[in-house]
Amino acid sequence: MIVRKRIAHHAFWQAAFFGIIALGIGLLWWASSEVEYVWRWYRVPQYFIAQMDVEINAEIEGTVKAVEEKGDKVFITVAGAYDKETYAAPAGSARVYEGDFAFPGDPLAVYEVTRPGILLQGLWITLKVSFIAIIFGILLGLFTGLARISDNPCLRWLAITYIEFIRGSPLLVQIYLWYFVFGTIINNLLAKQGIPPISSLWYGVASLAIFAGAYVGEIVRAGIQSIHRGQTEASRSLGMNYVQSMVHVILPQAMRRILPPLAGQFISLIKDSSLLGIIAIRELTKATREVVTTSLQPYELWFVCAILYLVLTFSLSMFVQYLERRTLIS
């Protein structure tokens, strides 16, 4: 009898969950119809996989002397008064015939190619920036956390200054500093040495990595200090030095405790990467904003943008949970 009541109770609240979700979707649909918005989901896929026409244009003025198909290629030869050019294109894409006269810029062949759409490009940039920033953030945070608990006052004070400065200022301000201040100074110095400038992408990565490193440093510090002091004393009594004790005894135990807060920090970092659009990095949010401007489809595209971020963060969360289970097993 008790088991049946529990099953019925559980089923009721499951139904309540799905009912609330359905109600929310219905209210959104009704509200959008009240403002006379037309949903056009069928137009969304083109922003992931785009079909584009590529033109091969004449570069000289002259007569088309030959249009020859060889296998899957067509070769178009244009002969001018003083020179001759041959253009290669996919078979069946030629738009001129032998004897035609071509001016510079005239299309000789037109063919269609499949390329990643703007949303897929933005998603890739978000993944790339976040992954690199996470790697450097872990390394920087690990050294910062160790310096934070060091007996060396110089290292400890440097770590405290870094952590407090980064945590005490908004990420948006730090991105501006890296791009407009440090970026300008560094690129000017490189230009004087004849070295190409560093792109804004790497200044964005630097700002995210340094921002994450401060928080990771505090997480590492708290994780190390949560391990009982007797672990250190026992390892030292076995003849290990400080580095060996930290690498083989303390850090492996601390990592199990800091994985959940690290996952939260990295999930926040993926979402924080959306701020990089202010320095002309076309990550997912900026790509979505550009598409919304041209297509006038804000509802569908911002929903898609949110879902893509959810997929990224949820995947990272599942991966960290997998690592937690592996560490518990080992």
C-alpha atoms as a PDB file:
ATOM      1  CA  MET A   1       0.000   0.000   0.000  1.00  0.00           C
ATOM      2  CA  ILE A   2       2.794   2.405   0.941  1.00  0.00           C
ATOM      3  CA  VAL A   3       4.685   1.540  -2.240  1.00  0.00           C
ATOM      4  CA  ARG A   4       1.605   2.284  -4.367  1.00  0.00           C
ATOM      5  CA  LYS A   5       1.173   5.672  -2.691  1.00  0.00           C
ATOM      6  CA  ARG A   6       4.801   6.532  -3.347  1.00  0.00           C
ATOM      7  CA  ILE A   7       4.496   5.547  -7.009  1.00  0.00           C
ATOM      8  CA  ALA A   8       1.290   7.572  -7.383  1.00  0.00           C
ATOM      9  CA  HIS A   9       2.878  10.550  -5.621  1.00  0.00           C
ATOM     10  CA  HIS A  10       5.940  10.346  -7.866  1.00  0.00           C
ATOM     11  CA  ALA A  11       3.801  10.037 -11.013  1.00  0.00           C
ATOM     12  CA  PHE A  12       1.708  13.041  -9.981  1.00  0.00           C
ATOM     13  CA  TRP A  13       4.719  15.310  -9.634  1.00  0.00           C
ATOM     14  CA  GLN A  14       6.208  14.028 -12.883  1.00  0.00           C
ATOM     15  CA  ALA A  15       2.978  14.978 -14.611  1.00  0.00           C
ATOM     16  CA  ALA A  16       3.063  18.350 -12.825  1.00  0.00           C
ATOM     17  CA  PHE A  17       6.587  18.997 -14.177  1.00  0.00           C
ATOM     18  CA  PHE A  18       5.618  18.284 -17.783  1.00  0.00           C
ATOM     19  CA  GLY A  19       2.419  20.267 -17.336  1.00  0.00           C
ATOM     20  CA  ILE A  20       4.354  23.350 -16.167  1.00  0.00           C
ATOM     21  CA  ILE A  21       6.739  23.055 -19.136  1.00  0.00           C
ATOM     22  CA  ALA A  22       3.804  22.732 -21.561  1.00  0.00           C
ATOM     23  CA  LEU A  23       2.062  25.686 -19.910  1.00  0.00           C
ATOM     24  CA  GLY A  24       5.183  27.843 -20.260  1.00  0.00           C
ATOM     25  CA  ILE A  25       5.529  26.974 -23.948  1.00  0.00           C
ATOM     26  CA  GLY A  26       1.840  27.645 -24.529  1.00  0.00           C
ATOM     27  CA  LEU A  27       2.004  31.031 -22.792  1.00  0.00           C
ATOM     28  CA  LEU A  28       5.041  32.000 -24.857  1.00  0.00           C
ATOM     29  CA  TRP A  29       3.301  30.971 -28.069  1.00  0.00           C
ATOM     30  CA  TRP A  30       0.169  32.905 -27.115  1.00  0.00           C
ATOM     31  CA  ALA A  31       2.164  36.012 -26.146  1.00  0.00           C
ATOM     32  CA  SER A  32       4.073  35.971 -29.439  1.00  0.00           C
ATOM     33  CA  SER A  33       0.825  35.653 -31.403  1.00  0.00           C
ATOM     34  CA  GLU A  34      -0.552  38.679 -29.567  1.00  0.00           C
ATOM     35  CA  VAL A  35       2.320  40.802 -30.884  1.00  0.00           C
ATOM     36  CA  GLU A  36       1.767  39.339 -34.379  1.00  0.00           C
ATOM     37  CA  TYR A  37       5.137  37.596 -34.531  1.00  0.00           C
ATOM     38  CA  VAL A  38       5.505  34.944 -37.248  1.00  0.00           C
ATOM     39  CA  TRP A  39       7.675  32.007 -36.184  1.00  0.00           C
ATOM     40  CA  ARG A  40      10.010  30.868 -39.000  1.00  0.00           C
ATOM     41  CA  TRP A  41      11.941  27.908 -37.653  1.00  0.00           C
ATOM     42  CA  TYR A  42      12.456  26.574 -41.180  1.00  0.00           C
ATOM     43  CA  ARG A  43      14.962  29.375 -41.820  1.00  0.00           C
ATOM     44  CA  VAL A  44      17.217  28.481 -38.899  1.00  0.00           C
ATOM     45  CA  PRO A  45      19.139  25.522 -40.490  1.00  0.00           C
ATOM     46  CA  GLN A  46      20.702  27.793 -43.126  1.00  0.00           C
ATOM     47  CA  TYR A  47      22.665  29.527 -40.359  1.00  0.00           C
ATOM     48  CA  PHE A  48      24.320  26.213 -39.468  1.00  0.00           C
ATOM     49  CA  ILE A  49      24.976  24.834 -42.957  1.00  0.00           C
ATOM     50  CA  ALA A  50      25.033  27.469 -45.690  1.00  0.00           C
ATOM     51  CA  GLN A  51      24.815  26.967 -49.448  1.00  0.00           C
ATOM     52  CA  MET A  52      26.809  29.691 -51.191  1.00  0.00           C
ATOM     53  CA  ASP A  53      27.412  30.567 -54.837  1.00  0.00           C
ATOM     54  CA  VAL A  54      31.060  30.995 -55.772  1.00  0.00           C
ATOM     55  CA  GLU A  55      31.915  32.971 -58.894  1.00  0.00           C
ATOM     56  CA  ILE A  56      35.092  32.682 -60.921  1.00  0.00           C
ATOM     57  CA  ASN A  57      35.517  36.032 -62.621  1.00  0.00           C
ATOM     58  CA  ALA A  58      37.682  37.066 -65.523  1.00  0.00           C
ATOM     59  CA  GLU A  59      40.770  39.043 -64.586  1.00  0.00           C
ATOM     60  CA  ILE A  60      41.633  40.240 -68.080  1.00  0.00           C
ATOM     61  CA  GLU A  61      39.734  41.516 -71.100  1.00  0.00           C
ATOM     62  CA  GLY A  62      39.641  39.114 -74.008  1.00  0.00           C
ATOM     63  CA  THR A  63      37.952  36.353 -75.968  1.00  0.00           C
ATOM     64  CA  VAL A  64      37.051  32.952 -74.555  1.00  0.00           C
ATOM     65  CA  LYS A  65      39.284  30.677 -76.630  1.00  0.00           C
ATOM     66  CA  ALA A  66      38.452  27.321 -75.051  1.00  0.00           C
ATOM     67  CA  VAL A  67      35.996  25.699 -72.632  1.00  0.00           C
ATOM     68  CA  GLU A  68      37.267  22.153 -72.032  1.00  0.00           C
ATOM     69  CA  GLU A  69      35.872  19.642 -69.567  1.00  0.00           C
ATOM     70  CA  LYS A  70      38.356  17.100 -68.233  1.00  0.00           C
ATOM     71  CA  GLY A  71      36.930  14.727 -65.637  1.00  0.00           C
ATOM     72  CA  ASP A  72      35.302  16.700 -62.855  1.00  0.00           C
ATOM     73  CA  LYS A  73      36.916  19.986 -63.937  1.00  0.00           C
ATOM     74  CA  VAL A  74      36.280  22.525 -66.646  1.00  0.00           C
ATOM     75  CA  PHE A  75      39.109  24.743 -67.912  1.00  0.00           C
ATOM     76  CA  ILE A  76      38.216  28.134 -69.372  1.00  0.00           C
ATOM     77  CA  THR A  77      40.861  29.976 -71.377  1.00  0.00           C
ATOM     78  CA  VAL A  78      40.567  33.718 -71.974  1.00  0.00           C
ATOM     79  CA  ALA A  79      43.013  35.290 -74.425  1.00  0.00           C
ATOM     80  CA  GLY A  80      43.581  39.026 -74.400  1.00  0.00           C
ATOM     81  CA  ALA A  81      45.623  41.315 -76.629  1.00  0.00           C
ATOM     82  CA  TYR A  82      48.853  40.699 -74.702  1.00  0.00           C
ATOM     83  CA  ASP A  83      48.250  37.808 -72.305  1.00  0.00           C
ATOM     84  CA  LYS A  84      46.207  34.669 -71.705  1.00  0.00           C
ATOM     85  CA  GLU A  85      44.610  33.239 -68.544  1.00  0.00           C
ATOM     86  CA  THR A  86      43.191  29.775 -67.804  1.00  0.00           C
ATOM     87  CA  TYR A  87      40.636  29.271 -65.030  1.00  0.00           C
ATOM     88  CA  ALA A  88      39.629  25.941 -63.459  1.00  0.00           C
ATOM     89  CA  ALA A  89      36.152  25.245 -62.064  1.00  0.00           C
ATOM     90  CA  PRO A  90      33.937  22.228 -61.322  1.00  0.00           C
ATOM     91  CA  ALA A  91      32.484  20.519 -64.402  1.00  0.00           C
ATOM     92  CA  GLY A  92      29.145  21.915 -65.538  1.00  0.00           C
ATOM     93  CA  SER A  93      29.652  25.302 -63.886  1.00  0.00           C
ATOM     94  CA  ALA A  94      30.801  27.258 -66.959  1.00  0.00           C
ATOM     95  CA  ARG A  95      28.686  30.279 -67.877  1.00  0.00           C
ATOM     96  CA  VAL A  96      30.462  31.223 -71.117  1.00  0.00           C
ATOM     97  CA  TYR A  97      31.078  29.583 -74.475  1.00  0.00           C
ATOM     98  CA  GLU A  98      33.937  29.622 -76.945  1.00  0.00           C
ATOM     99  CA  GLY A  99      33.977  32.874 -78.843  1.00  0.00           C
ATOM    100  CA  ASP A 100      32.351  34.947 -76.095  1.00  0.00           C
ATOM    101  CA  PHE A 101      34.014  38.215 -75.144  1.00  0.00           C
ATOM    102  CA  ALA A 102      34.755  38.762 -71.445  1.00  0.00           C
ATOM    103  CA  PHE A 103      35.523  41.932 -69.549  1.00  0.00           C
ATOM    104  CA  PRO A 104      37.386  42.007 -66.205  1.00  0.00           C
ATOM    105  CA  GLY A 105      34.968  40.968 -63.469  1.00  0.00           C
ATOM    106  CA  ASP A 106      32.593  39.047 -65.735  1.00  0.00           C
ATOM    107  CA  PRO A 107      31.562  35.652 -64.273  1.00  0.00           C
ATOM    108  CA  LEU A 108      33.083  32.765 -66.199  1.00  0.00           C
ATOM    109  CA  ALA A 109      31.801  29.981 -63.933  1.00  0.00           C
ATOM    110  CA  VAL A 110      29.388  29.784 -61.004  1.00  0.00           C
ATOM    111  CA  TYR A 111      29.154  26.819 -58.645  1.00  0.00           C
ATOM    112  CA  GLU A 112      27.612  26.091 -55.252  1.00  0.00           C
ATOM    113  CA  VAL A 113      29.583  25.110 -52.154  1.00  0.00           C
ATOM    114  CA  THR A 114      28.487  24.005 -48.698  1.00  0.00           C
ATOM    115  CA  ARG A 115      30.110  25.892 -45.851  1.00  0.00           C
ATOM    116  CA  PRO A 116      29.591  26.168 -42.102  1.00  0.00           C
ATOM    117  CA  GLY A 117      26.971  28.795 -41.334  1.00  0.00           C
ATOM    118  CA  ILE A 118      27.587  31.830 -39.168  1.00  0.00           C
ATOM    119  CA  LEU A 119      26.133  30.169 -36.040  1.00  0.00           C
ATOM    120  CA  LEU A 120      28.369  27.128 -36.489  1.00  0.00           C
ATOM    121  CA  GLN A 121      31.365  29.416 -36.941  1.00  0.00           C
ATOM    122  CA  GLY A 122      30.425  31.315 -33.785  1.00  0.00           C
ATOM    123  CA  LEU A 123      30.002  28.054 -31.874  1.00  0.00           C
ATOM    124  CA  TRP A 124      33.457  26.923 -32.972  1.00  0.00           C
ATOM    125  CA  ILE A 125      35.040  30.214 -31.849  1.00  0.00           C
ATOM    126  CA  THR A 126      33.293  29.895 -28.467  1.00  0.00           C
ATOM    127  CA  LEU A 127      34.610  26.337 -28.068  1.00  0.00           C
ATOM    128  CA  LYS A 128      38.107  27.320 -29.149  1.00  0.00           C
ATOM    129  CA  VAL A 129      38.356  30.371 -26.903  1.00  0.00           C
ATOM    130  CA  SER A 130      36.830  28.593 -23.903  1.00  0.00           C
ATOM    131  CA  PHE A 131      39.035  25.506 -24.228  1.00  0.00           C
ATOM    132  CA  ILE A 132      42.276  27.479 -24.495  1.00  0.00           C
ATOM    133  CA  ALA A 133      41.244  29.791 -21.646  1.00  0.00           C
ATOM    134  CA  ILE A 134      40.340  26.815 -19.445  1.00  0.00           C
ATOM    135  CA  ILE A 135      43.733  25.153 -20.015  1.00  0.00           C
ATOM    136  CA  PHE A 136      45.694  28.308 -19.209  1.00  0.00           C
ATOM    137  CA  GLY A 137      43.308  29.122 -16.357  1.00  0.00           C
ATOM    138  CA  ILE A 138      43.998  25.735 -14.736  1.00  0.00           C
ATOM    139  CA  LEU A 139      47.769  26.156 -15.026  1.00  0.00           C
ATOM    140  CA  LEU A 140      47.694  29.729 -13.761  1.00  0.00           C
ATOM    141  CA  GLY A 141      45.265  28.866 -10.969  1.00  0.00           C
ATOM    142  CA  LEU A 142      47.367  25.900  -9.842  1.00  0.00           C
ATOM    143  CA  PHE A 143      50.509  28.016  -9.502  1.00  0.00           C
ATOM    144  CA  THR A 144      48.529  30.844  -7.889  1.00  0.00           C
ATOM    145  CA  GLY A 145      46.935  28.491  -5.363  1.00  0.00           C
ATOM    146  CA  LEU A 146      50.312  27.029  -4.403  1.00  0.00           C
ATOM    147  CA  ALA A 147      51.830  30.500  -4.141  1.00  0.00           C
ATOM    148  CA  ARG A 148      48.870  31.600  -2.017  1.00  0.00           C
ATOM    149  CA  ILE A 149      49.834  29.111   0.734  1.00  0.00           C
ATOM    150  CA  SER A 150      53.597  29.429   0.261  1.00  0.00           C
ATOM    151  CA  ASP A 151      55.888  30.447   3.102  1.00  0.00           C
ATOM    152  CA  ASN A 152      57.663  32.801   0.708  1.00  0.00           C
ATOM    153  CA  PRO A 153      56.173  36.258   1.405  1.00  0.00           C
ATOM    154  CA  CYS A 154      56.952  37.548  -2.102  1.00  0.00           C
ATOM    155  CA  LEU A 155      55.065  34.706  -3.797  1.00  0.00           C
ATOM    156  CA  ARG A 156      52.212  34.860  -1.293  1.00  0.00           C
ATOM    157  CA  TRP A 157      51.750  38.626  -1.576  1.00  0.00           C
ATOM    158  CA  LEU A 158      51.929  38.492  -5.379  1.00  0.00           C
ATOM    159  CA  ALA A 159      49.264  35.789  -5.423  1.00  0.00           C
ATOM    160  CA  ILE A 160      47.030  37.750  -3.033  1.00  0.00           C
ATOM    161  CA  THR A 161      47.433  40.956  -5.073  1.00  0.00           C
ATOM    162  CA  TYR A 162      46.601  39.151  -8.324  1.00  0.00           C
ATOM    163  CA  ILE A 163      43.560  37.387  -6.874  1.00  0.00           C
ATOM    164  CA  GLU A 164      42.132  40.479  -5.202  1.00  0.00           C
ATOM    165  CA  PHE A 165      42.652  42.713  -8.233  1.00  0.00           C
ATOM    166  CA  ILE A 166      41.065  40.271 -10.673  1.00  0.00           C
ATOM    167  CA  ARG A 167      38.176  39.326  -8.416  1.00  0.00           C
ATOM    168  CA  GLY A 168      37.601  42.952  -7.499  1.00  0.00           C
ATOM    169  CA  SER A 169      37.036  44.251 -11.043  1.00  0.00           C
ATOM    170  CA  PRO A 170      34.419  43.255 -13.643  1.00  0.00           C
ATOM    171  CA  LEU A 171      35.428  40.937 -16.468  1.00  0.00           C
ATOM    172  CA  LEU A 172      34.088  43.469 -18.978  1.00  0.00           C
ATOM    173  CA  VAL A 173      36.547  46.081 -17.718  1.00  0.00           C
ATOM    174  CA  GLN A 174      39.396  43.564 -17.877  1.00  0.00           C
ATOM    175  CA  ILE A 175      38.551  42.721 -21.499  1.00  0.00           C
ATOM    176  CA  TYR A 176      38.650  46.435 -22.345  1.00  0.00           C
ATOM    177  CA  LEU A 177      42.013  46.764 -20.572  1.00  0.00           C
ATOM    178  CA  TRP A 178      43.518  43.845 -22.444  1.00  0.00           C
ATOM    179  CA  TYR A 179      42.265  44.949 -25.838  1.00  0.00           C
ATOM    180  CA  PHE A 180      42.475  48.751 -25.759  1.00  0.00           C
ATOM    181  CA  VAL A 181      45.396  49.269 -23.331  1.00  0.00           C
ATOM    182  CA  PHE A 182      47.701  46.254 -23.235  1.00  0.00           C
ATOM    183  CA  GLY A 183      46.823  45.256 -26.793  1.00  0.00           C
ATOM    184  CA  THR A 184      47.615  48.699 -28.174  1.00  0.00           C
ATOM    185  CA  ILE A 185      50.924  48.876 -26.307  1.00  0.00           C
ATOM    186  CA  ILE A 186      52.013  45.359 -27.298  1.00  0.00           C
ATOM    187  CA  ASN A 187      51.023  45.722 -30.955  1.00  0.00           C
ATOM    188  CA  ASN A 188      52.801  49.076 -31.220  1.00  0.00           C
ATOM    189  CA  LEU A 189      55.973  47.535 -29.805  1.00  0.00           C
ATOM    190  CA  LEU A 190      55.670  44.606 -32.220  1.00  0.00           C
ATOM    191  CA  ALA A 191      55.105  46.965 -35.170  1.00  0.00           C
ATOM    192  CA  LYS A 192      58.339  48.805 -34.369  1.00  0.00           C
ATOM    193  CA  GLN A 193      60.168  45.476 -34.571  1.00  0.00           C
ATOM    194  CA  GLY A 194      58.469  44.559 -37.853  1.00  0.00           C
ATOM    195  CA  ILE A 195      56.437  41.766 -36.234  1.00  0.00           C
ATOM    196  CA  PRO A 196      52.762  41.251 -37.235  1.00  0.00           C
ATOM    197  CA  PRO A 197      50.239  42.358 -34.584  1.00  0.00           C
ATOM    198  CA  ILE A 198      48.466  39.912 -32.287  1.00  0.00           C
ATOM    199  CA  SER A 199      44.792  39.413 -33.160  1.00  0.00           C
ATOM    200  CA  SER A 200      41.998  40.381 -30.799  1.00  0.00           C
ATOM    201  CA  LEU A 201      41.189  36.685 -30.312  1.00  0.00           C
ATOM    202  CA  TRP A 202      44.298  36.127 -28.218  1.00  0.00           C
ATOM    203  CA  TYR A 203      43.670  39.194 -26.087  1.00  0.00           C
ATOM    204  CA  GLY A 204      40.217  37.789 -25.429  1.00  0.00           C
ATOM    205  CA  VAL A 205      41.733  34.435 -24.457  1.00  0.00           C
ATOM    206  CA  ALA A 206      44.225  36.182 -22.174  1.00  0.00           C
ATOM    207  CA  SER A 207      41.509  38.145 -20.367  1.00  0.00           C
ATOM    208  CA  LEU A 208      39.380  35.010 -19.828  1.00  0.00           C
ATOM    209  CA  ALA A 209      42.334  32.863 -18.735  1.00  0.00           C
ATOM    210  CA  ILE A 210      43.623  35.418 -16.232  1.00  0.00           C
ATOM    211  CA  PHE A 211      40.096  36.006 -14.930  1.00  0.00           C
ATOM    212  CA  ALA A 212      39.536  32.268 -14.470  1.00  0.00           C
ATOM    213  CA  GLY A 213      43.016  31.752 -13.013  1.00  0.00           C
ATOM    214  CA  ALA A 214      42.246  33.986 -10.020  1.00  0.00           C
ATOM    215  CA  TYR A 215      39.146  32.003  -9.096  1.00  0.00           C
ATOM    216  CA  VAL A 216      40.830  28.661  -9.768  1.00  0.00           C
ATOM    217  CA  GLY A 217      43.688  29.777  -7.517  1.00  0.00           C
ATOM    218  CA  GLU A 218      41.313  30.291  -4.605  1.00  0.00           C
ATOM    219  CA  ILE A 219      39.614  26.957  -5.329  1.00  0.00           C
ATOM    220  CA  VAL A 220      42.991  25.172  -5.344  1.00  0.00           C
ATOM    221  CA  ARG A 221      44.047  26.941  -2.156  1.00  0.00           C
ATOM    222  CA  ALA A 222      40.838  25.935  -0.370  1.00  0.00           C
ATOM    223  CA  GLY A 223      41.142  22.357  -1.645  1.00  0.00           C
ATOM    224  CA  ILE A 224      44.715  21.988  -0.413  1.00  0.00           C
ATOM    225  CA  GLN A 225      43.941  23.489   2.984  1.00  0.00           C
ATOM    226  CA  SER A 226      40.945  21.152   3.371  1.00  0.00           C
ATOM    227  CA  ILE A 227      43.325  18.152   3.480  1.00  0.00           C
ATOM    228  CA  HIS A 228      44.238  17.302   7.062  1.00  0.00           C
ATOM    229  CA  ARG A 229      47.675  18.483   8.088  1.00  0.00           C
ATOM    230  CA  GLY A 230      48.505  14.992   9.229  1.00  0.00           C
ATOM    231  CA  GLN A 231      48.706  13.913   5.566  1.00  0.00           C
ATOM    232  CA  THR A 232      51.585  16.295   4.994  1.00  0.00           C
ATOM    233  CA  GLU A 233      53.327  15.291   8.205  1.00  0.00           C
ATOM    234  CA  ALA A 234      52.984  11.605   7.364  1.00  0.00           C
ATOM    235  CA  SER A 235      54.418  12.062   3.863  1.00  0.00           C
ATOM    236  CA  ARG A 236      57.305  14.126   5.191  1.00  0.00           C
ATOM    237  CA  SER A 237      58.043  11.466   7.794  1.00  0.00           C
ATOM    238  CA  LEU A 238      58.379   8.968   4.932  1.00  0.00           C
ATOM    239  CA  GLY A 239      61.226  11.034   3.490  1.00  0.00           C
ATOM    240  CA  MET A 240      59.312  13.048   0.876  1.00  0.00           C
ATOM    241  CA  ASN A 241      60.228  16.670   0.311  1.00  0.00           C
ATOM    242  CA  TYR A 242      57.621  19.433  -0.057  1.00  0.00           C
ATOM    243  CA  VAL A 243      57.196  19.004  -3.825  1.00  0.00           C
ATOM    244  CA  GLN A 244      56.916  15.207  -3.651  1.00  0.00           C
ATOM    245  CA  SER A 245      54.423  15.434  -0.802  1.00  0.00           C
ATOM    246  CA  MET A 246      52.311  17.945  -2.715  1.00  0.00           C
ATOM    247  CA  VAL A 247      52.382  16.016  -6.024  1.00  0.00           C
ATOM    248  CA  HIS A 248      51.901  12.471  -4.718  1.00  0.00           C
ATOM    249  CA  VAL A 249      49.804  12.948  -1.580  1.00  0.00           C
ATOM    250  CA  ILE A 250      48.054  16.311  -1.188  1.00  0.00           C
ATOM    251  CA  LEU A 251      47.058  17.341  -4.740  1.00  0.00           C
ATOM    252  CA  PRO A 252      45.484  13.964  -5.729  1.00  0.00           C
ATOM    253  CA  GLN A 253      43.207  14.168  -2.683  1.00  0.00           C
ATOM    254  CA  ALA A 254      42.504  17.861  -3.164  1.00  0.00           C
ATOM    255  CA  MET A 255      41.548  17.376  -6.818  1.00  0.00           C
ATOM    256  CA  ARG A 256      38.631  15.155  -5.838  1.00  0.00           C
ATOM    257  CA  ARG A 257      37.270  17.927  -3.651  1.00  0.00           C
ATOM    258  CA  ILE A 258      37.796  20.808  -6.047  1.00  0.00           C
ATOM    259  CA  LEU A 259      36.324  19.189  -9.163  1.00  0.00           C
ATOM    260  CA  PRO A 260      32.728  20.411  -8.514  1.00  0.00           C
ATOM    261  CA  PRO A 261      33.694  24.072  -7.938  1.00  0.00           C
ATOM    262  CA  LEU A 262      36.099  23.878 -10.888  1.00  0.00           C
ATOM    263  CA  ALA A 263      33.259  22.655 -13.100  1.00  0.00           C
ATOM    264  CA  GLY A 264      31.124  25.586 -11.975  1.00  0.00           C
ATOM    265  CA  GLN A 265      33.941  28.004 -12.769  1.00  0.00           C
ATOM    266  CA  PHE A 266      34.502  26.567 -16.238  1.00  0.00           C
ATOM    267  CA  ILE A 267      30.783  26.622 -17.011  1.00  0.00           C
ATOM    268  CA  SER A 268      30.765  30.293 -16.041  1.00  0.00           C
ATOM    269  CA  LEU A 269      33.800  30.837 -18.271  1.00  0.00           C
ATOM    270  CA  ILE A 270      31.963  29.438 -21.310  1.00  0.00           C
ATOM    271  CA  LYS A 271      29.084  31.824 -20.642  1.00  0.00           C
ATOM    272  CA  ASP A 272      31.459  34.726 -19.951  1.00  0.00           C
ATOM    273  CA  SER A 273      33.014  34.228 -23.398  1.00  0.00           C
ATOM    274  CA  SER A 274      29.879  35.911 -24.761  1.00  0.00           C
ATOM    275  CA  LEU A 275      31.410  39.241 -23.652  1.00  0.00           C
ATOM    276  CA  LEU A 276      34.193  38.932 -26.230  1.00  0.00           C
ATOM    277  CA  GLY A 277      31.845  40.239 -28.910  1.00  0.00           C
ATOM    278  CA  ILE A 278      32.613  43.753 -27.669  1.00  0.00           C
ATOM    279  CA  ILE A 279      36.143  43.454 -29.101  1.00  0.00           C
ATOM    280  CA  ALA A 280      34.929  42.175 -32.490  1.00  0.00           C
ATOM    281  CA  ILE A 281      35.382  38.447 -31.805  1.00  0.00           C
ATOM    282  CA  ARG A 282      32.543  36.654 -33.576  1.00  0.00           C
ATOM    283  CA  GLU A 283      31.720  34.098 -30.896  1.00  0.00           C
ATOM    284  CA  LEU A 284      28.278  32.562 -30.586  1.00  0.00           C
ATOM    285  CA  THR A 285      26.468  35.547 -29.052  1.00  0.00           C
ATOM    286  CA  LYS A 286      27.906  38.071 -31.511  1.00  0.00           C
ATOM    287  CA  ALA A 287      27.168  35.731 -34.430  1.00  0.00           C
ATOM    288  CA  THR A 288      23.574  35.404 -33.228  1.00  0.00           C
ATOM    289  CA  ARG A 289      23.249  39.175 -32.890  1.00  0.00           C
ATOM    290  CA  GLU A 290      24.479  39.662 -36.460  1.00  0.00           C
ATOM    291  CA  VAL A 291      22.012  37.102 -37.808  1.00  0.00           C
ATOM    292  CA  VAL A 292      19.142  38.664 -35.857  1.00  0.00           C
ATOM    293  CA  THR A 293      20.013  42.062 -37.344  1.00  0.00           C
ATOM    294  CA  THR A 294      19.852  40.762 -40.916  1.00  0.00           C
ATOM    295  CA  SER A 295      17.034  38.203 -40.642  1.00  0.00           C
ATOM    296  CA  LEU A 296      14.717  39.919 -38.120  1.00  0.00           C
ATOM    297  CA  GLN A 297      14.124  36.593 -36.340  1.00  0.00           C
ATOM    298  CA  PRO A 298      14.963  37.388 -32.695  1.00  0.00           C
ATOM    299  CA  TYR A 299      12.737  34.769 -31.039  1.00  0.00           C
ATOM    300  CA  GLU A 300      13.981  31.683 -32.884  1.00  0.00           C
ATOM    301  CA  LEU A 301      17.648  32.671 -32.994  1.00  0.00           C
ATOM    302  CA  TRP A 302      17.994  33.669 -29.357  1.00  0.00           C
ATOM    303  CA  PHE A 303      16.296  30.423 -28.334  1.00  0.00           C
ATOM    304  CA  VAL A 304      18.771  28.525 -30.514  1.00  0.00           C
ATOM    305  CA  CYS A 305      21.669  30.492 -29.003  1.00  0.00           C
ATOM    306  CA  ALA A 306      20.510  29.640 -25.477  1.00  0.00           C
ATOM    307  CA  ILE A 307      20.119  25.957 -26.375  1.00  0.00           C
ATOM    308  CA  LEU A 308      23.634  25.826 -27.835  1.00  0.00           C
ATOM    309  CA  TYR A 309      25.104  27.306 -24.655  1.00  0.00           C
ATOM    310  CA  LEU A 310      23.057  24.799 -22.650  1.00  0.00           C
ATOM    311  CA  VAL A 311      24.482  21.922 -24.708  1.00  0.00           C
ATOM    312  CA  LEU A 312      28.035  23.156 -24.109  1.00  0.00           C
ATOM    313  CA  THR A 313      27.648  23.670 -20.371  1.00  0.00           C
ATOM    314  CA  PHE A 314      25.655  20.470 -19.834  1.00  0.00           C
ATOM    315  CA  SER A 315      28.258  18.438 -21.735  1.00  0.00           C
ATOM    316  CA  LEU A 316      31.030  19.897 -19.575  1.00  0.00           C
ATOM    317  CA  SER A 317      29.017  19.181 -16.430  1.00  0.00           C
ATOM    318  CA  MET A 318      28.517  15.531 -17.481  1.00  0.00           C
ATOM    319  CA  PHE A 319      32.228  15.193 -18.245  1.00  0.00           C
ATOM    320  CA  VAL A 320      33.188  16.506 -14.816  1.00  0.00           C
ATOM    321  CA  GLN A 321      30.718  14.128 -13.155  1.00  0.00           C
ATOM    322  CA  TYR A 322      32.362  11.291 -15.089  1.00  0.00           C
ATOM    323  CA  LEU A 323      35.772  12.406 -13.791  1.00  0.00           C
ATOM    324  CA  GLU A 324      34.379  12.512 -10.250  1.00  0.00           C
ATOM    325  CA  ARG A 325      33.149   8.926 -10.525  1.00  0.00           C
ATOM    326  CA  ARG A 326      36.500   7.804 -11.931  1.00  0.00           C
ATOM    327  CA  THR A 327      38.428   9.450  -9.123  1.00  0.00           C
ATOM    328  CA  LEU A 328      36.129   7.896  -6.518  1.00  0.00           C
ATOM    329  CA  ILE A 329      36.655   4.463  -8.076  1.00  0.00           C
ATOM    330  CA  SER A 330      40.421   4.892  -8.199  1.00  0.00           C
END
